[in-house]
Amino acid sequence: MIEFEGVRVLVVEDEPVVAMCLEDILEGLGCVTIGPASRLAEGLALAENEPIDVAILDINLGGEWSTRIAEALRARGVPFAFASGYGTCPEGFDGPPMIEKPYREAEVIGTLRELLPP
């Protein structure tokens, strides 16, 4: 899909099979996947140092919250969405979109369109 060709998406997801599913969706849309990061420290390093256009962050990373990654992205002006099977954003983050897991292509497309400038 030309609309997202070359868009660099940071993926932070602690479940390998779920991460692969999201990567497949993103790559099918023409995106470049950064990561996936499965732990807080790894995601934070990528969020602080890699060129990123947008990010999709699993909220719970094996008991660690991805909010520090979200804060680093916010400080850089990088738009992001949270992903969860629970359906609620972390406290203090009312603005970012929420993607319900399991990931579905139509929802990922809608979220990318919401986050990226026209």
N, C-alpha and C. Protein backbone atom coordinates (compact mmCIF):
# COMPACT_ATOMS: atom_id res chain seq x y z
N MET A 1 0.86 -1.17 0.00
CA MET A 1 0.00 0.00 0.00
C MET A 1 0.90 1.24 0.00
N ILE A 2 0.87 2.01 -1.04
CA ILE A 2 1.74 3.16 -1.24
C ILE A 2 1.57 4.20 -0.13
N GLU A 3 0.39 4.31 0.42
CA GLU A 3 0.10 5.31 1.46
C GLU A 3 1.10 5.25 2.62
N PHE A 4 1.57 4.07 2.97
CA PHE A 4 2.46 3.92 4.11
C PHE A 4 3.88 3.48 3.73
N GLU A 5 4.20 3.55 2.46
CA GLU A 5 5.50 3.11 1.96
C GLU A 5 6.63 3.85 2.68
N GLY A 6 7.51 3.09 3.34
CA GLY A 6 8.68 3.66 4.00
C GLY A 6 8.44 4.26 5.37
N VAL A 7 7.20 4.22 5.87
CA VAL A 7 6.92 4.75 7.20
C VAL A 7 7.61 3.85 8.23
N ARG A 8 8.39 4.47 9.10
CA ARG A 8 9.16 3.72 10.10
C ARG A 8 8.33 3.60 11.38
N VAL A 9 7.96 2.36 11.72
CA VAL A 9 7.07 2.10 12.85
C VAL A 9 7.82 1.32 13.93
N LEU A 10 7.94 1.92 15.10
CA LEU A 10 8.49 1.21 16.24
C LEU A 10 7.41 0.28 16.79
N VAL A 11 7.76 -0.99 16.92
CA VAL A 11 6.86 -1.99 17.48
C VAL A 11 7.42 -2.43 18.83
N VAL A 12 6.62 -2.26 19.87
CA VAL A 12 6.98 -2.72 21.22
C VAL A 12 5.90 -3.71 21.63
N GLU A 13 6.27 -4.98 21.66
CA GLU A 13 5.32 -6.07 21.93
C GLU A 13 6.08 -7.23 22.55
N ASP A 14 5.62 -7.71 23.69
CA ASP A 14 6.36 -8.75 24.41
C ASP A 14 6.00 -10.18 24.02
N GLU A 15 4.95 -10.37 23.27
CA GLU A 15 4.56 -11.71 22.82
C GLU A 15 5.10 -11.93 21.40
N PRO A 16 6.06 -12.84 21.21
CA PRO A 16 6.69 -13.01 19.89
C PRO A 16 5.71 -13.29 18.75
N VAL A 17 4.74 -14.14 18.95
CA VAL A 17 3.79 -14.47 17.88
C VAL A 17 2.93 -13.26 17.54
N VAL A 18 2.53 -12.51 18.56
CA VAL A 18 1.72 -11.31 18.35
C VAL A 18 2.55 -10.25 17.63
N ALA A 19 3.82 -10.13 18.01
CA ALA A 19 4.72 -9.17 17.36
C ALA A 19 4.89 -9.53 15.88
N MET A 20 5.05 -10.82 15.59
CA MET A 20 5.20 -11.25 14.19
C MET A 20 3.95 -10.94 13.39
N CYS A 21 2.79 -11.11 13.99
CA CYS A 21 1.53 -10.78 13.31
C CYS A 21 1.48 -9.29 12.96
N LEU A 22 1.84 -8.44 13.91
CA LEU A 22 1.84 -6.99 13.66
C LEU A 22 2.88 -6.63 12.60
N GLU A 23 4.06 -7.24 12.69
CA GLU A 23 5.10 -6.99 11.68
C GLU A 23 4.61 -7.36 10.29
N ASP A 24 3.94 -8.49 10.17
CA ASP A 24 3.40 -8.92 8.87
C ASP A 24 2.41 -7.90 8.32
N ILE A 25 1.53 -7.41 9.20
CA ILE A 25 0.56 -6.39 8.77
C ILE A 25 1.29 -5.14 8.29
N LEU A 26 2.22 -4.66 9.09
CA LEU A 26 2.94 -3.42 8.76
C LEU A 26 3.75 -3.57 7.48
N GLU A 27 4.46 -4.67 7.35
CA GLU A 27 5.27 -4.88 6.14
C GLU A 27 4.38 -5.01 4.91
N GLY A 28 3.20 -5.61 5.06
CA GLY A 28 2.24 -5.69 3.95
C GLY A 28 1.74 -4.32 3.52
N LEU A 29 1.78 -3.36 4.45
CA LEU A 29 1.36 -1.98 4.14
C LEU A 29 2.51 -1.13 3.61
N GLY A 30 3.72 -1.72 3.56
CA GLY A 30 4.88 -0.99 3.06
C GLY A 30 5.70 -0.31 4.13
N CYS A 31 5.35 -0.51 5.39
CA CYS A 31 6.08 0.12 6.49
C CYS A 31 7.42 -0.58 6.73
N VAL A 32 8.31 0.13 7.39
CA VAL A 32 9.57 -0.42 7.86
C VAL A 32 9.42 -0.60 9.36
N THR A 33 9.57 -1.83 9.83
CA THR A 33 9.40 -2.11 11.25
C THR A 33 10.71 -1.88 12.00
N ILE A 34 10.63 -1.11 13.08
CA ILE A 34 11.76 -0.91 13.98
C ILE A 34 11.47 -1.78 15.20
N GLY A 35 12.38 -2.67 15.52
CA GLY A 35 12.13 -3.65 16.57
C GLY A 35 11.72 -4.96 15.93
N PRO A 36 10.89 -5.72 16.56
CA PRO A 36 10.13 -5.37 17.75
C PRO A 36 10.97 -5.46 19.02
N ALA A 37 10.64 -4.59 19.95
CA ALA A 37 11.24 -4.62 21.28
C ALA A 37 10.28 -5.35 22.20
N SER A 38 10.81 -6.26 23.00
CA SER A 38 9.93 -7.03 23.87
C SER A 38 10.05 -6.63 25.34
N ARG A 39 11.00 -5.79 25.66
CA ARG A 39 11.22 -5.35 27.04
C ARG A 39 11.33 -3.83 27.10
N LEU A 40 11.08 -3.30 28.28
CA LEU A 40 11.08 -1.86 28.49
C LEU A 40 12.41 -1.22 28.08
N ALA A 41 13.53 -1.75 28.56
CA ALA A 41 14.84 -1.15 28.28
C ALA A 41 15.13 -1.13 26.78
N GLU A 42 14.81 -2.21 26.11
CA GLU A 42 15.04 -2.29 24.66
C GLU A 42 14.16 -1.28 23.92
N GLY A 43 12.90 -1.21 24.29
CA GLY A 43 11.98 -0.26 23.65
C GLY A 43 12.38 1.18 23.91
N LEU A 44 12.84 1.45 25.12
CA LEU A 44 13.26 2.80 25.47
C LEU A 44 14.48 3.22 24.66
N ALA A 45 15.44 2.31 24.50
CA ALA A 45 16.64 2.61 23.70
C ALA A 45 16.27 2.92 22.26
N LEU A 46 15.37 2.14 21.69
CA LEU A 46 14.94 2.39 20.30
C LEU A 46 14.17 3.71 20.21
N ALA A 47 13.30 3.96 21.17
CA ALA A 47 12.49 5.19 21.16
C ALA A 47 13.35 6.44 21.28
N GLU A 48 14.46 6.34 21.99
CA GLU A 48 15.32 7.50 22.20
C GLU A 48 16.33 7.70 21.08
N ASN A 49 16.67 6.64 20.35
CA ASN A 49 17.81 6.73 19.43
C ASN A 49 17.53 6.47 17.96
N GLU A 50 16.44 5.82 17.63
CA GLU A 50 16.17 5.46 16.24
C GLU A 50 15.30 6.51 15.55
N PRO A 51 15.50 6.70 14.25
CA PRO A 51 14.55 7.54 13.51
C PRO A 51 13.23 6.78 13.38
N ILE A 52 12.16 7.37 13.90
CA ILE A 52 10.85 6.72 13.97
C ILE A 52 9.80 7.73 13.51
N ASP A 53 8.85 7.26 12.72
CA ASP A 53 7.73 8.11 12.30
C ASP A 53 6.53 7.96 13.23
N VAL A 54 6.34 6.75 13.75
CA VAL A 54 5.18 6.44 14.57
C VAL A 54 5.50 5.17 15.37
N ALA A 55 4.78 4.93 16.47
CA ALA A 55 5.04 3.75 17.29
C ALA A 55 3.73 3.10 17.73
N ILE A 56 3.80 1.79 17.90
CA ILE A 56 2.70 1.01 18.47
C ILE A 56 3.27 0.30 19.69
N LEU A 57 2.71 0.62 20.87
CA LEU A 57 3.26 0.16 22.13
C LEU A 57 2.28 -0.74 22.87
N ASP A 58 2.66 -1.99 23.08
CA ASP A 58 1.93 -2.84 24.00
C ASP A 58 2.06 -2.20 25.37
N ILE A 59 0.98 -2.10 26.11
CA ILE A 59 1.02 -1.43 27.41
C ILE A 59 1.81 -2.23 28.44
N ASN A 60 1.53 -3.52 28.52
CA ASN A 60 2.14 -4.37 29.54
C ASN A 60 3.20 -5.25 28.90
N LEU A 61 4.45 -5.01 29.29
CA LEU A 61 5.58 -5.77 28.76
C LEU A 61 6.09 -6.72 29.84
N GLY A 62 5.41 -7.82 30.00
CA GLY A 62 5.83 -8.80 31.00
C GLY A 62 5.87 -8.22 32.39
N GLY A 63 4.90 -7.38 32.73
CA GLY A 63 4.84 -6.77 34.05
C GLY A 63 5.43 -5.37 34.13
N GLU A 64 6.10 -4.92 33.08
CA GLU A 64 6.62 -3.55 33.02
C GLU A 64 5.70 -2.74 32.11
N TRP A 65 5.41 -1.51 32.51
CA TRP A 65 4.54 -0.65 31.72
C TRP A 65 5.36 0.12 30.69
N SER A 66 4.82 0.27 29.50
CA SER A 66 5.52 0.97 28.41
C SER A 66 5.38 2.49 28.48
N THR A 67 4.87 3.01 29.58
CA THR A 67 4.65 4.45 29.68
C THR A 67 5.94 5.26 29.58
N ARG A 68 7.07 4.71 30.05
CA ARG A 68 8.34 5.44 29.91
C ARG A 68 8.73 5.57 28.44
N ILE A 69 8.42 4.56 27.66
CA ILE A 69 8.68 4.64 26.21
C ILE A 69 7.78 5.70 25.60
N ALA A 70 6.51 5.70 26.01
CA ALA A 70 5.56 6.71 25.51
C ALA A 70 6.03 8.11 25.85
N GLU A 71 6.53 8.30 27.06
CA GLU A 71 7.03 9.62 27.47
C GLU A 71 8.23 10.04 26.62
N ALA A 72 9.13 9.10 26.33
CA ALA A 72 10.29 9.41 25.48
C ALA A 72 9.84 9.79 24.07
N LEU A 73 8.87 9.08 23.55
CA LEU A 73 8.35 9.40 22.21
C LEU A 73 7.66 10.75 22.22
N ARG A 74 6.87 11.00 23.24
CA ARG A 74 6.17 12.29 23.35
C ARG A 74 7.18 13.44 23.38
N ALA A 75 8.28 13.25 24.12
CA ALA A 75 9.32 14.29 24.20
C ALA A 75 9.96 14.56 22.84
N ARG A 76 10.02 13.54 21.99
CA ARG A 76 10.59 13.69 20.65
C ARG A 76 9.55 14.14 19.63
N GLY A 77 8.28 14.19 20.02
CA GLY A 77 7.23 14.57 19.09
C GLY A 77 6.81 13.45 18.15
N VAL A 78 7.08 12.20 18.56
CA VAL A 78 6.73 11.04 17.74
C VAL A 78 5.35 10.55 18.16
N PRO A 79 4.39 10.49 17.24
CA PRO A 79 3.06 10.00 17.60
C PRO A 79 3.08 8.50 17.87
N PHE A 80 2.20 8.07 18.76
CA PHE A 80 2.16 6.65 19.12
C PHE A 80 0.74 6.23 19.48
N ALA A 81 0.54 4.94 19.43
CA ALA A 81 -0.71 4.33 19.88
C ALA A 81 -0.36 3.25 20.88
N PHE A 82 -1.25 3.02 21.82
CA PHE A 82 -1.11 1.91 22.73
C PHE A 82 -1.87 0.72 22.17
N ALA A 83 -1.44 -0.47 22.56
CA ALA A 83 -2.13 -1.70 22.18
C ALA A 83 -2.34 -2.53 23.44
N SER A 84 -3.52 -3.12 23.53
CA SER A 84 -3.82 -3.92 24.71
C SER A 84 -5.01 -4.82 24.45
N GLY A 85 -5.05 -5.90 25.17
CA GLY A 85 -6.23 -6.75 25.17
C GLY A 85 -7.21 -6.32 26.24
N TYR A 86 -6.82 -5.32 27.05
CA TYR A 86 -7.65 -4.87 28.17
C TYR A 86 -8.51 -3.66 27.81
N GLY A 87 -8.09 -2.88 26.80
CA GLY A 87 -8.92 -1.79 26.30
C GLY A 87 -8.85 -0.47 27.03
N THR A 88 -7.92 -0.26 27.93
CA THR A 88 -7.83 1.02 28.62
C THR A 88 -6.42 1.59 28.51
N CYS A 89 -6.35 2.90 28.31
CA CYS A 89 -5.05 3.59 28.25
C CYS A 89 -4.50 3.76 29.66
N PRO A 90 -3.18 3.80 29.79
CA PRO A 90 -2.59 4.05 31.10
C PRO A 90 -2.96 5.45 31.60
N GLU A 91 -2.95 5.61 32.90
CA GLU A 91 -3.26 6.89 33.52
C GLU A 91 -2.30 7.97 33.00
N GLY A 92 -2.84 9.12 32.67
CA GLY A 92 -2.05 10.23 32.17
C GLY A 92 -1.86 10.23 30.65
N PHE A 93 -2.45 9.26 29.97
CA PHE A 93 -2.33 9.15 28.51
C PHE A 93 -3.71 9.00 27.89
N ASP A 94 -4.48 10.08 27.91
CA ASP A 94 -5.84 10.02 27.36
C ASP A 94 -5.90 10.27 25.86
N GLY A 95 -4.86 10.87 25.28
CA GLY A 95 -4.90 11.26 23.88
C GLY A 95 -4.58 10.19 22.86
N PRO A 96 -3.60 9.32 23.11
CA PRO A 96 -3.20 8.37 22.07
C PRO A 96 -4.30 7.36 21.75
N PRO A 97 -4.36 6.94 20.49
CA PRO A 97 -5.33 5.91 20.13
C PRO A 97 -5.00 4.59 20.82
N MET A 98 -6.01 3.75 20.95
CA MET A 98 -5.85 2.42 21.54
C MET A 98 -6.21 1.39 20.48
N ILE A 99 -5.29 0.46 20.24
CA ILE A 99 -5.54 -0.66 19.33
C ILE A 99 -5.87 -1.88 20.18
N GLU A 100 -7.01 -2.47 19.91
CA GLU A 100 -7.39 -3.69 20.61
C GLU A 100 -6.67 -4.88 19.99
N LYS A 101 -6.14 -5.74 20.84
CA LYS A 101 -5.53 -6.98 20.35
C LYS A 101 -6.59 -8.06 20.34
N PRO A 102 -6.52 -8.98 19.44
CA PRO A 102 -5.47 -9.19 18.45
C PRO A 102 -5.49 -8.12 17.36
N TYR A 103 -4.31 -7.88 16.79
CA TYR A 103 -4.18 -6.86 15.75
C TYR A 103 -4.97 -7.26 14.51
N ARG A 104 -5.67 -6.27 13.96
CA ARG A 104 -6.40 -6.46 12.70
C ARG A 104 -5.94 -5.36 11.73
N GLU A 105 -5.75 -5.76 10.50
CA GLU A 105 -5.20 -4.84 9.50
C GLU A 105 -6.01 -3.54 9.41
N ALA A 106 -7.32 -3.64 9.36
CA ALA A 106 -8.16 -2.44 9.21
C ALA A 106 -7.95 -1.47 10.37
N GLU A 107 -7.81 -2.00 11.58
CA GLU A 107 -7.60 -1.13 12.74
C GLU A 107 -6.20 -0.51 12.72
N VAL A 108 -5.20 -1.27 12.28
CA VAL A 108 -3.84 -0.74 12.17
C VAL A 108 -3.82 0.38 11.13
N ILE A 109 -4.46 0.16 9.99
CA ILE A 109 -4.52 1.19 8.94
C ILE A 109 -5.19 2.46 9.49
N GLY A 110 -6.32 2.31 10.15
CA GLY A 110 -7.03 3.46 10.71
C GLY A 110 -6.18 4.22 11.72
N THR A 111 -5.45 3.50 12.54
CA THR A 111 -4.60 4.13 13.54
C THR A 111 -3.44 4.87 12.88
N LEU A 112 -2.81 4.25 11.89
CA LEU A 112 -1.72 4.94 11.18
C LEU A 112 -2.23 6.21 10.52
N ARG A 113 -3.39 6.15 9.92
CA ARG A 113 -3.97 7.35 9.29
C ARG A 113 -4.24 8.44 10.33
N GLU A 114 -4.68 8.03 11.51
CA GLU A 114 -4.95 9.00 12.57
C GLU A 114 -3.67 9.66 13.09
N LEU A 115 -2.59 8.88 13.17
CA LEU A 115 -1.35 9.36 13.75
C LEU A 115 -0.46 10.14 12.80
N LEU A 116 -0.48 9.78 11.54
CA LEU A 116 0.45 10.37 10.57
C LEU A 116 -0.16 11.60 9.92
N PRO A 117 0.67 12.61 9.63
CA PRO A 117 0.14 13.79 8.94
C PRO A 117 -0.29 13.43 7.53
N PRO A 118 -1.29 14.15 7.01
CA PRO A 118 -1.78 13.84 5.64
C PRO A 118 -0.75 14.16 4.58
